[in-house]
C-alpha atoms as a PDB file:
ATOM      1  CA  MET A   1      -0.091   0.068  -0.102  1.00  0.00           C
ATOM      2  CA  THR A   2       1.244   3.346  -0.635  1.00  0.00           C
ATOM      3  CA  THR A   3       1.449   6.269   1.959  1.00  0.00           C
ATOM      4  CA  ARG A   4      -1.634   7.833   0.564  1.00  0.00           C
ATOM      5  CA  GLU A   5      -3.782   4.703   0.949  1.00  0.00           C
ATOM      6  CA  TRP A   6      -2.557   4.371   4.441  1.00  0.00           C
ATOM      7  CA  LEU A   7      -3.702   8.043   5.106  1.00  0.00           C
ATOM      8  CA  PHE A   8      -7.111   7.404   3.497  1.00  0.00           C
ATOM      9  CA  LEU A   9      -7.470   4.338   5.688  1.00  0.00           C
ATOM     10  CA  GLY A  10      -6.484   6.020   8.812  1.00  0.00           C
ATOM     11  CA  GLY A  11      -8.656   8.897   8.197  1.00  0.00           C
ATOM     12  CA  GLY A  12     -11.621   6.586   7.529  1.00  0.00           C
ATOM     13  CA  ILE A  13     -11.051   4.757  10.697  1.00  0.00           C
ATOM     14  CA  VAL A  14     -10.649   8.053  12.698  1.00  0.00           C
ATOM     15  CA  ALA A  15     -13.914   9.429  11.331  1.00  0.00           C
ATOM     16  CA  GLY A  16     -15.618   6.265  11.826  1.00  0.00           C
ATOM     17  CA  VAL A  17     -14.771   6.322  15.486  1.00  0.00           C
ATOM     18  CA  ALA A  18     -15.702   9.828  15.897  1.00  0.00           C
ATOM     19  CA  LEU A  19     -18.895   9.465  14.260  1.00  0.00           C
ATOM     20  CA  GLY A  20     -19.640   6.487  16.404  1.00  0.00           C
ATOM     21  CA  ALA A  21     -18.866   8.206  19.615  1.00  0.00           C
ATOM     22  CA  GLY A  22     -21.117  11.170  18.655  1.00  0.00           C
ATOM     23  CA  LEU A  23     -24.025   9.258  17.261  1.00  0.00           C
ATOM     24  CA  PRO A  24     -26.196   9.456  20.056  1.00  0.00           C
ATOM     25  CA  LYS A  25     -25.787  13.139  20.526  1.00  0.00           C
ATOM     26  CA  LEU A  26     -26.298  13.679  16.785  1.00  0.00           C
ATOM     27  CA  ARG A  27     -29.325  11.467  16.858  1.00  0.00           C
ATOM     28  CA  ARG A  28     -30.954  13.342  19.387  1.00  0.00           C
ATOM     29  CA  GLN A  29     -30.253  16.689  17.698  1.00  0.00           C
ATOM     30  CA  LEU A  30     -31.287  15.497  14.309  1.00  0.00           C
ATOM     31  CA  GLY A  31     -34.372  13.403  15.144  1.00  0.00           C
ATOM     32  CA  PRO A  32     -37.047  16.058  15.268  1.00  0.00           C
ATOM     33  CA  MET A  33     -35.729  17.465  11.845  1.00  0.00           C
ATOM     34  CA  ILE A  34     -35.711  13.903  10.309  1.00  0.00           C
ATOM     35  CA  ALA A  35     -39.027  13.240  11.720  1.00  0.00           C
ATOM     36  CA  GLU A  36     -40.659  16.615  10.208  1.00  0.00           C
ATOM     37  CA  ALA A  37     -38.781  15.773   6.736  1.00  0.00           C
ATOM     38  CA  GLY A  38     -40.291  12.236   6.701  1.00  0.00           C
ATOM     39  CA  HIS A  39     -43.856  13.693   7.595  1.00  0.00           C
ATOM     40  CA  ARG A  40     -43.592  16.288   4.870  1.00  0.00           C
ATOM     41  CA  ALA A  41     -42.252  13.599   2.321  1.00  0.00           C
ATOM     42  CA  GLY A  42     -45.188  11.517   3.006  1.00  0.00           C
ATOM     43  CA  GLY A  43     -47.591  14.477   2.607  1.00  0.00           C
ATOM     44  CA  LEU A  44     -45.863  15.407  -0.914  1.00  0.00           C
ATOM     45  CA  VAL A  45     -46.096  11.645  -2.085  1.00  0.00           C
ATOM     46  CA  SER A  46     -49.735  11.587  -0.964  1.00  0.00           C
ATOM     47  CA  SER A  47     -50.618  14.791  -2.883  1.00  0.00           C
ATOM     48  CA  LEU A  48     -48.684  13.309  -5.907  1.00  0.00           C
ATOM     49  CA  ALA A  49     -50.658  10.243  -5.805  1.00  0.00           C
ATOM     50  CA  GLU A  50     -53.923  12.143  -5.584  1.00  0.00           C
ATOM     51  CA  ALA A  51     -53.112  14.324  -8.568  1.00  0.00           C
ATOM     52  CA  LEU A  52     -51.973  11.291 -10.666  1.00  0.00           C
ATOM     53  CA  ALA A  53     -55.311   9.513  -9.742  1.00  0.00           C
ATOM     54  CA  THR A  54     -57.294  12.420 -10.653  1.00  0.00           C
ATOM     55  CA  GLN A  55     -55.395  12.784 -14.014  1.00  0.00           C
ATOM     56  CA  MET A  56     -55.989   9.057 -14.846  1.00  0.00           C
ATOM     57  CA  GLU A  57     -59.501   9.373 -13.960  1.00  0.00           C
ATOM     58  CA  ARG A  58     -59.863  12.443 -16.548  1.00  0.00           C
ATOM     59  CA  ALA A  59     -58.149  10.442 -19.122  1.00  0.00           C
ATOM     60  CA  GLU A  60     -60.417   7.403 -18.472  1.00  0.00           C
ATOM     61  CA  ASP A  61     -63.382   9.817 -18.885  1.00  0.00           C
ATOM     62  CA  PHE A  62     -62.065  11.340 -22.097  1.00  0.00           C
ATOM     63  CA  ALA A  63     -61.475   7.822 -23.646  1.00  0.00           C
ATOM     64  CA  ALA A  64     -64.894   6.586 -22.669  1.00  0.00           C
ATOM     65  CA  GLU A  65     -66.592   9.778 -24.167  1.00  0.00           C
ATOM     66  CA  LYS A  66     -64.598   9.249 -27.305  1.00  0.00           C
ATOM     67  CA  ALA A  67     -65.645   5.635 -27.458  1.00  0.00           C
ATOM     68  CA  ALA A  68     -69.282   6.561 -26.743  1.00  0.00           C
ATOM     69  CA  GLU A  69     -69.020   9.017 -29.633  1.00  0.00           C
ATOM     70  CA  SER A  70     -67.415   6.808 -32.061  1.00  0.00           C
ATOM     71  CA  SER A  71     -70.183   3.936 -31.241  1.00  0.00           C
ATOM     72  CA  ASN A  72     -72.841   6.574 -31.808  1.00  0.00           C
ATOM     73  CA  PRO A  73     -73.011   8.115 -35.159  1.00  0.00           C
ATOM     74  CA  ALA A  74     -74.696  11.305 -35.418  1.00  0.00           C
END
């Protein structure tokens, strides 16, 4: 291994130990923000699903109207 590879390996180990030691404190501080982000993401996904369902319903209605028009000549 080269000196550079040893430095990256050592730095990764040090960073891992530091993160592991500070994880409980970090989790307490970031927990409310992560929960809020999850709540907002859930609301966004729900809104997108509702909009998609509405668009699909409109497309189905349009297709049904076109089919009814073509089967009933004027």
